PDB file of N, CA and C in Angstrom:
ATOM      1  N   MET A   1     -16.038  15.047  31.688  1.00  0.00           N
ATOM      2  CA  MET A   1     -16.664  15.405  30.419  1.00  0.00           C
ATOM      3  C   MET A   1     -15.595  15.864  29.427  1.00  0.00           C
ATOM      4  N   ALA A   2     -15.712  15.416  28.198  1.00  0.00           N
ATOM      5  CA  ALA A   2     -14.746  15.770  27.157  1.00  0.00           C
ATOM      6  C   ALA A   2     -14.829  17.258  26.837  1.00  0.00           C
ATOM      7  N   VAL A   3     -13.680  17.817  26.480  1.00  0.00           N
ATOM      8  CA  VAL A   3     -13.580  19.249  26.218  1.00  0.00           C
ATOM      9  C   VAL A   3     -13.106  19.476  24.792  1.00  0.00           C
ATOM     10  N   ALA A   4     -13.851  20.270  24.042  1.00  0.00           N
ATOM     11  CA  ALA A   4     -13.472  20.590  22.666  1.00  0.00           C
ATOM     12  C   ALA A   4     -12.451  21.720  22.650  1.00  0.00           C
ATOM     13  N   LEU A   5     -11.593  21.710  21.666  1.00  0.00           N
ATOM     14  CA  LEU A   5     -10.619  22.777  21.464  1.00  0.00           C
ATOM     15  C   LEU A   5     -10.992  23.540  20.210  1.00  0.00           C
ATOM     16  N   ASP A   6     -10.784  24.859  20.231  1.00  0.00           N
ATOM     17  CA  ASP A   6     -10.961  25.548  18.966  1.00  0.00           C
ATOM     18  C   ASP A   6      -9.674  25.381  18.156  1.00  0.00           C
ATOM     19  N   ARG A   7      -9.739  25.724  16.898  1.00  0.00           N
ATOM     20  CA  ARG A   7      -8.619  25.505  15.971  1.00  0.00           C
ATOM     21  C   ARG A   7      -7.330  26.166  16.448  1.00  0.00           C
ATOM     22  N   THR A   8      -7.421  27.394  16.941  1.00  0.00           N
ATOM     23  CA  THR A   8      -6.234  28.122  17.398  1.00  0.00           C
ATOM     24  C   THR A   8      -5.600  27.435  18.607  1.00  0.00           C
ATOM     25  N   GLU A   9      -6.442  26.990  19.548  1.00  0.00           N
ATOM     26  CA  GLU A   9      -5.933  26.273  20.728  1.00  0.00           C
ATOM     27  C   GLU A   9      -5.281  24.958  20.323  1.00  0.00           C
ATOM     28  N   LEU A  10      -5.896  24.265  19.377  1.00  0.00           N
ATOM     29  CA  LEU A  10      -5.361  22.988  18.919  1.00  0.00           C
ATOM     30  C   LEU A  10      -4.003  23.177  18.253  1.00  0.00           C
ATOM     31  N   ILE A  11      -3.887  24.161  17.388  1.00  0.00           N
ATOM     32  CA  ILE A  11      -2.604  24.441  16.729  1.00  0.00           C
ATOM     33  C   ILE A  11      -1.550  24.821  17.762  1.00  0.00           C
ATOM     34  N   ALA A  12      -1.919  25.628  18.742  1.00  0.00           N
ATOM     35  CA  ALA A  12      -0.977  26.028  19.786  1.00  0.00           C
ATOM     36  C   ALA A  12      -0.503  24.816  20.582  1.00  0.00           C
ATOM     37  N   LEU A  13      -1.412  23.908  20.913  1.00  0.00           N
ATOM     38  CA  LEU A  13      -1.052  22.706  21.658  1.00  0.00           C
ATOM     39  C   LEU A  13      -0.103  21.828  20.847  1.00  0.00           C
ATOM     40  N   ILE A  14      -0.417  21.609  19.580  1.00  0.00           N
ATOM     41  CA  ILE A  14       0.429  20.788  18.712  1.00  0.00           C
ATOM     42  C   ILE A  14       1.810  21.437  18.560  1.00  0.00           C
ATOM     43  N   ALA A  15       1.837  22.737  18.314  1.00  0.00           N
ATOM     44  CA  ALA A  15       3.114  23.452  18.156  1.00  0.00           C
ATOM     45  C   ALA A  15       3.951  23.351  19.425  1.00  0.00           C
ATOM     46  N   ASP A  16       3.302  23.447  20.578  1.00  0.00           N
ATOM     47  CA  ASP A  16       4.019  23.354  21.852  1.00  0.00           C
ATOM     48  C   ASP A  16       4.635  21.967  22.035  1.00  0.00           C
ATOM     49  N   VAL A  17       3.851  20.930  21.787  1.00  0.00           N
ATOM     50  CA  VAL A  17       4.350  19.551  21.941  1.00  0.00           C
ATOM     51  C   VAL A  17       5.490  19.272  20.960  1.00  0.00           C
ATOM     52  N   LEU A  18       5.330  19.750  19.724  1.00  0.00           N
ATOM     53  CA  LEU A  18       6.332  19.474  18.697  1.00  0.00           C
ATOM     54  C   LEU A  18       7.484  20.482  18.717  1.00  0.00           C
ATOM     55  N   ASP A  19       7.374  21.493  19.570  1.00  0.00           N
ATOM     56  CA  ASP A  19       8.379  22.549  19.679  1.00  0.00           C
ATOM     57  C   ASP A  19       8.609  23.226  18.322  1.00  0.00           C
ATOM     58  N   LEU A  20       7.482  23.627  17.713  1.00  0.00           N
ATOM     59  CA  LEU A  20       7.511  24.274  16.408  1.00  0.00           C
ATOM     60  C   LEU A  20       6.745  25.589  16.457  1.00  0.00           C
ATOM     61  N   ASN A  21       6.995  26.434  15.473  1.00  0.00           N
ATOM     62  CA  ASN A  21       6.251  27.668  15.315  1.00  0.00           C
ATOM     63  C   ASN A  21       4.833  27.308  14.857  1.00  0.00           C
ATOM     64  N   PRO A  22       3.785  27.870  15.474  1.00  0.00           N
ATOM     65  CA  PRO A  22       2.411  27.520  15.092  1.00  0.00           C
ATOM     66  C   PRO A  22       2.105  27.735  13.608  1.00  0.00           C
ATOM     67  N   GLU A  23       2.804  28.656  12.954  1.00  0.00           N
ATOM     68  CA  GLU A  23       2.526  28.922  11.536  1.00  0.00           C
ATOM     69  C   GLU A  23       2.809  27.723  10.630  1.00  0.00           C
ATOM     70  N   VAL A  24       3.674  26.804  11.073  1.00  0.00           N
ATOM     71  CA  VAL A  24       3.979  25.644  10.226  1.00  0.00           C
ATOM     72  C   VAL A  24       2.948  24.519  10.367  1.00  0.00           C
ATOM     73  N   ILE A  25       2.056  24.653  11.348  1.00  0.00           N
ATOM     74  CA  ILE A  25       1.014  23.646  11.556  1.00  0.00           C
ATOM     75  C   ILE A  25      -0.181  24.025  10.676  1.00  0.00           C
ATOM     76  N   THR A  26      -0.196  23.489   9.464  1.00  0.00           N
ATOM     77  CA  THR A  26      -1.280  23.773   8.519  1.00  0.00           C
ATOM     78  C   THR A  26      -2.099  22.495   8.310  1.00  0.00           C
ATOM     79  N   ASP A  27      -3.241  22.643   7.654  1.00  0.00           N
ATOM     80  CA  ASP A  27      -4.103  21.475   7.401  1.00  0.00           C
ATOM     81  C   ASP A  27      -3.362  20.355   6.693  1.00  0.00           C
ATOM     82  N   ASP A  28      -2.486  20.722   5.775  1.00  0.00           N
ATOM     83  CA  ASP A  28      -1.849  19.718   4.924  1.00  0.00           C
ATOM     84  C   ASP A  28      -0.402  19.394   5.271  1.00  0.00           C
ATOM     85  N   ALA A  29       0.158  20.054   6.292  1.00  0.00           N
ATOM     86  CA  ALA A  29       1.534  19.740   6.688  1.00  0.00           C
ATOM     87  C   ALA A  29       1.564  18.315   7.238  1.00  0.00           C
ATOM     88  N   HIS A  30       2.347  17.470   6.598  1.00  0.00           N
ATOM     89  CA  HIS A  30       2.463  16.067   7.008  1.00  0.00           C
ATOM     90  C   HIS A  30       3.355  15.991   8.240  1.00  0.00           C
ATOM     91  N   PHE A  31       2.837  15.392   9.302  1.00  0.00           N
ATOM     92  CA  PHE A  31       3.571  15.374  10.567  1.00  0.00           C
ATOM     93  C   PHE A  31       4.953  14.745  10.435  1.00  0.00           C
ATOM     94  N   ILE A  32       5.059  13.654   9.715  1.00  0.00           N
ATOM     95  CA  ILE A  32       6.344  12.959   9.592  1.00  0.00           C
ATOM     96  C   ILE A  32       7.234  13.637   8.552  1.00  0.00           C
ATOM     97  N   ASP A  33       6.708  13.778   7.340  1.00  0.00           N
ATOM     98  CA  ASP A  33       7.516  14.288   6.231  1.00  0.00           C
ATOM     99  C   ASP A  33       7.858  15.772   6.360  1.00  0.00           C
ATOM    100  N   ASP A  34       6.897  16.582   6.800  1.00  0.00           N
ATOM    101  CA  ASP A  34       7.106  18.035   6.840  1.00  0.00           C
ATOM    102  C   ASP A  34       7.537  18.556   8.213  1.00  0.00           C
ATOM    103  N   LEU A  35       7.064  17.904   9.271  1.00  0.00           N
ATOM    104  CA  LEU A  35       7.303  18.439  10.617  1.00  0.00           C
ATOM    105  C   LEU A  35       8.254  17.598  11.457  1.00  0.00           C
ATOM    106  N   GLY A  36       8.709  16.478  10.928  1.00  0.00           N
ATOM    107  CA  GLY A  36       9.708  15.670  11.620  1.00  0.00           C
ATOM    108  C   GLY A  36       9.207  14.920  12.841  1.00  0.00           C
ATOM    109  N   VAL A  37       7.927  14.592  12.869  1.00  0.00           N
ATOM    110  CA  VAL A  37       7.358  13.869  14.007  1.00  0.00           C
ATOM    111  C   VAL A  37       7.802  12.412  13.955  1.00  0.00           C
ATOM    112  N   ASP A  38       8.321  11.926  15.077  1.00  0.00           N
ATOM    113  CA  ASP A  38       8.666  10.512  15.188  1.00  0.00           C
ATOM    114  C   ASP A  38       7.657   9.841  16.127  1.00  0.00           C
ATOM    115  N   SER A  39       7.828   8.563  16.400  1.00  0.00           N
ATOM    116  CA  SER A  39       6.852   7.837  17.208  1.00  0.00           C
ATOM    117  C   SER A  39       6.761   8.375  18.633  1.00  0.00           C
ATOM    118  N   LEU A  40       7.883   8.810  19.188  1.00  0.00           N
ATOM    119  CA  LEU A  40       7.861   9.369  20.544  1.00  0.00           C
ATOM    120  C   LEU A  40       7.076  10.680  20.589  1.00  0.00           C
ATOM    121  N   LEU A  41       7.306  11.544  19.609  1.00  0.00           N
ATOM    122  CA  LEU A  41       6.553  12.804  19.549  1.00  0.00           C
ATOM    123  C   LEU A  41       5.068  12.547  19.311  1.00  0.00           C
ATOM    124  N   ALA A  42       4.749  11.564  18.499  1.00  0.00           N
ATOM    125  CA  ALA A  42       3.345  11.218  18.254  1.00  0.00           C
ATOM    126  C   ALA A  42       2.678  10.777  19.549  1.00  0.00           C
ATOM    127  N   LEU A  43       3.394   9.990  20.343  1.00  0.00           N
ATOM    128  CA  LEU A  43       2.869   9.545  21.633  1.00  0.00           C
ATOM    129  C   LEU A  43       2.688  10.730  22.581  1.00  0.00           C
ATOM    130  N   GLU A  44       3.670  11.628  22.615  1.00  0.00           N
ATOM    131  CA  GLU A  44       3.562  12.823  23.457  1.00  0.00           C
ATOM    132  C   GLU A  44       2.366  13.669  23.037  1.00  0.00           C
ATOM    133  N   LEU A  45       2.142  13.784  21.749  1.00  0.00           N
ATOM    134  CA  LEU A  45       1.000  14.545  21.239  1.00  0.00           C
ATOM    135  C   LEU A  45      -0.311  13.885  21.662  1.00  0.00           C
ATOM    136  N   ALA A  46      -0.382  12.569  21.551  1.00  0.00           N
ATOM    137  CA  ALA A  46      -1.591  11.848  21.958  1.00  0.00           C
ATOM    138  C   ALA A  46      -1.881  12.080  23.438  1.00  0.00           C
ATOM    139  N   VAL A  47      -0.853  11.999  24.277  1.00  0.00           N
ATOM    140  CA  VAL A  47      -1.024  12.212  25.716  1.00  0.00           C
ATOM    141  C   VAL A  47      -1.493  13.640  25.998  1.00  0.00           C
ATOM    142  N   ALA A  48      -0.905  14.613  25.320  1.00  0.00           N
ATOM    143  CA  ALA A  48      -1.302  16.016  25.508  1.00  0.00           C
ATOM    144  C   ALA A  48      -2.758  16.223  25.095  1.00  0.00           C
ATOM    145  N   LEU A  49      -3.167  15.625  23.993  1.00  0.00           N
ATOM    146  CA  LEU A  49      -4.555  15.741  23.540  1.00  0.00           C
ATOM    147  C   LEU A  49      -5.509  15.048  24.514  1.00  0.00           C
ATOM    148  N   GLU A  50      -5.105  13.900  25.017  1.00  0.00           N
ATOM    149  CA  GLU A  50      -5.931  13.181  25.993  1.00  0.00           C
ATOM    150  C   GLU A  50      -6.154  14.029  27.241  1.00  0.00           C
ATOM    151  N   ARG A  51      -5.071  14.603  27.745  1.00  0.00           N
ATOM    152  CA  ARG A  51      -5.170  15.424  28.957  1.00  0.00           C
ATOM    153  C   ARG A  51      -6.011  16.668  28.729  1.00  0.00           C
ATOM    154  N   ARG A  52      -5.753  17.349  27.636  1.00  0.00           N
ATOM    155  CA  ARG A  52      -6.440  18.619  27.379  1.00  0.00           C
ATOM    156  C   ARG A  52      -7.916  18.419  27.059  1.00  0.00           C
ATOM    157  N   CYS A  53      -8.225  17.368  26.297  1.00  0.00           N
ATOM    158  CA  CYS A  53      -9.606  17.143  25.864  1.00  0.00           C
ATOM    159  C   CYS A  53     -10.357  16.146  26.738  1.00  0.00           C
ATOM    160  N   GLN A  54      -9.651  15.525  27.671  1.00  0.00           N
ATOM    161  CA  GLN A  54     -10.237  14.535  28.577  1.00  0.00           C
ATOM    162  C   GLN A  54     -10.874  13.372  27.815  1.00  0.00           C
ATOM    163  N   ILE A  55     -10.067  12.811  26.912  1.00  0.00           N
ATOM    164  CA  ILE A  55     -10.499  11.672  26.115  1.00  0.00           C
ATOM    165  C   ILE A  55      -9.409  10.606  26.174  1.00  0.00           C
ATOM    166  N   LYS A  56      -9.682   9.439  25.618  1.00  0.00           N
ATOM    167  CA  LYS A  56      -8.692   8.371  25.506  1.00  0.00           C
ATOM    168  C   LYS A  56      -8.414   8.111  24.038  1.00  0.00           C
ATOM    169  N   ILE A  57      -7.138   8.167  23.667  1.00  0.00           N
ATOM    170  CA  ILE A  57      -6.723   7.881  22.289  1.00  0.00           C
ATOM    171  C   ILE A  57      -5.906   6.596  22.319  1.00  0.00           C
ATOM    172  N   GLU A  58      -6.353   5.615  21.563  1.00  0.00           N
ATOM    173  CA  GLU A  58      -5.649   4.331  21.494  1.00  0.00           C
ATOM    174  C   GLU A  58      -4.411   4.466  20.604  1.00  0.00           C
ATOM    175  N   SER A  59      -3.405   3.653  20.877  1.00  0.00           N
ATOM    176  CA  SER A  59      -2.180   3.702  20.076  1.00  0.00           C
ATOM    177  C   SER A  59      -2.463   3.380  18.611  1.00  0.00           C
ATOM    178  N   THR A  60      -3.448   2.558  18.349  1.00  0.00           N
ATOM    179  CA  THR A  60      -3.803   2.225  16.968  1.00  0.00           C
ATOM    180  C   THR A  60      -4.420   3.420  16.247  1.00  0.00           C
ATOM    181  N   GLU A  61      -5.028   4.334  17.000  1.00  0.00           N
ATOM    182  CA  GLU A  61      -5.647   5.511  16.377  1.00  0.00           C
ATOM    183  C   GLU A  61      -4.610   6.570  16.032  1.00  0.00           C
ATOM    184  N   ILE A  62      -3.618   6.741  16.882  1.00  0.00           N
ATOM    185  CA  ILE A  62      -2.629   7.804  16.660  1.00  0.00           C
ATOM    186  C   ILE A  62      -1.759   7.485  15.442  1.00  0.00           C
ATOM    187  N   VAL A  63      -1.634   6.215  15.099  1.00  0.00           N
ATOM    188  CA  VAL A  63      -0.841   5.808  13.936  1.00  0.00           C
ATOM    189  C   VAL A  63      -1.395   6.408  12.646  1.00  0.00           C
ATOM    190  N   ASP A  64      -2.708   6.590  12.586  1.00  0.00           N
ATOM    191  CA  ASP A  64      -3.358   7.104  11.377  1.00  0.00           C
ATOM    192  C   ASP A  64      -3.342   8.628  11.289  1.00  0.00           C
ATOM    193  N   VAL A  65      -2.862   9.307  12.325  1.00  0.00           N
ATOM    194  CA  VAL A  65      -2.859  10.769  12.349  1.00  0.00           C
ATOM    195  C   VAL A  65      -1.596  11.277  11.667  1.00  0.00           C
ATOM    196  N   GLU A  66      -1.782  11.922  10.510  1.00  0.00           N
ATOM    197  CA  GLU A  66      -0.632  12.387   9.733  1.00  0.00           C
ATOM    198  C   GLU A  66      -0.621  13.889   9.509  1.00  0.00           C
ATOM    199  N   SER A  67      -1.711  14.588   9.907  1.00  0.00           N
ATOM    200  CA  SER A  67      -1.798  16.023   9.663  1.00  0.00           C
ATOM    201  C   SER A  67      -2.785  16.650  10.649  1.00  0.00           C
ATOM    202  N   LEU A  68      -2.824  17.966  10.661  1.00  0.00           N
ATOM    203  CA  LEU A  68      -3.783  18.688  11.497  1.00  0.00           C
ATOM    204  C   LEU A  68      -5.201  18.243  11.173  1.00  0.00           C
ATOM    205  N   ARG A  69      -5.479  18.087   9.899  1.00  0.00           N
ATOM    206  CA  ARG A  69      -6.815  17.640   9.476  1.00  0.00           C
ATOM    207  C   ARG A  69      -7.166  16.298  10.132  1.00  0.00           C
ATOM    208  N   ASP A  70      -6.205  15.376  10.207  1.00  0.00           N
ATOM    209  CA  ASP A  70      -6.438  14.076  10.844  1.00  0.00           C
ATOM    210  C   ASP A  70      -6.687  14.230  12.345  1.00  0.00           C
ATOM    211  N   VAL A  71      -5.963  15.136  12.990  1.00  0.00           N
ATOM    212  CA  VAL A  71      -6.166  15.387  14.421  1.00  0.00           C
ATOM    213  C   VAL A  71      -7.584  15.895  14.656  1.00  0.00           C
ATOM    214  N   ILE A  72      -8.023  16.833  13.829  1.00  0.00           N
ATOM    215  CA  ILE A  72      -9.368  17.394  13.962  1.00  0.00           C
ATOM    216  C   ILE A  72     -10.423  16.308  13.772  1.00  0.00           C
ATOM    217  N   THR A  73     -10.235  15.455  12.775  1.00  0.00           N
ATOM    218  CA  THR A  73     -11.173  14.357  12.521  1.00  0.00           C
ATOM    219  C   THR A  73     -11.231  13.407  13.708  1.00  0.00           C
ATOM    220  N   LEU A  74     -10.069  13.043  14.248  1.00  0.00           N
ATOM    221  CA  LEU A  74     -10.003  12.145  15.395  1.00  0.00           C
ATOM    222  C   LEU A  74     -10.694  12.769  16.605  1.00  0.00           C
ATOM    223  N   LEU A  75     -10.383  14.034  16.885  1.00  0.00           N
ATOM    224  CA  LEU A  75     -10.994  14.694  18.034  1.00  0.00           C
ATOM    225  C   LEU A  75     -12.503  14.833  17.867  1.00  0.00           C
ATOM    226  N   ASP A  76     -12.939  15.168  16.666  1.00  0.00           N
ATOM    227  CA  ASP A  76     -14.377  15.272  16.417  1.00  0.00           C
ATOM    228  C   ASP A  76     -15.073  13.942  16.713  1.00  0.00           C
ATOM    229  N   ARG A  77     -14.469  12.851  16.255  1.00  0.00           N
ATOM    230  CA  ARG A  77     -15.041  11.525  16.488  1.00  0.00           C
ATOM    231  C   ARG A  77     -15.052  11.192  17.984  1.00  0.00           C
ATOM    232  N   LYS A  78     -13.936  11.449  18.660  1.00  0.00           N
ATOM    233  CA  LYS A  78     -13.828  11.145  20.082  1.00  0.00           C
ATOM    234  C   LYS A  78     -14.785  11.986  20.919  1.00  0.00           C
ATOM    235  N   LEU A  79     -14.878  13.263  20.590  1.00  0.00           N
ATOM    236  CA  LEU A  79     -15.727  14.166  21.367  1.00  0.00           C
ATOM    237  C   LEU A  79     -17.214  13.876  21.119  1.00  0.00           C
ATOM    238  N   THR A  80     -17.546  13.411  19.922  1.00  0.00           N
ATOM    239  CA  THR A  80     -18.934  13.030  19.630  1.00  0.00           C
ATOM    240  C   THR A  80     -19.317  11.788  20.429  1.00  0.00           C
ATOM    241  N   ILE A  81     -18.398  10.831  20.495  1.00  0.00           N
ATOM    242  CA  ILE A  81     -18.638   9.604  21.255  1.00  0.00           C
ATOM    243  C   ILE A  81     -18.783   9.929  22.745  1.00  0.00           C
ATOM    244  N   ALA A  82     -17.948  10.840  23.229  1.00  0.00           N
ATOM    245  CA  ALA A  82     -17.939  11.173  24.656  1.00  0.00           C
ATOM    246  C   ALA A  82     -19.134  12.032  25.074  1.00  0.00           C
ATOM    247  N   ALA A  83     -19.769  12.668  24.104  1.00  0.00           N
ATOM    248  CA  ALA A  83     -20.876  13.589  24.438  1.00  0.00           C
ATOM    249  C   ALA A  83     -22.135  12.842  24.844  1.00  0.00           C
TER     250      ALA A  83
END
């Protein structure tokens, strides 16, 4: 069964994967431009989200994720489908 994350847990998970301070993970911080996320880090983030939330994220979906807001939207969609 898919598992939802609260906002604080999600920010902590993203910060851990990206090796960043959680305070820099804001709704509008652009993963590539502001946080230095490359394709390998994006893949690592997708895998971490899949494991933690027990969902499957396709490589085509992670390409569109550019901010925390996008992650939340993706997870909401995935968790709704899985419910």
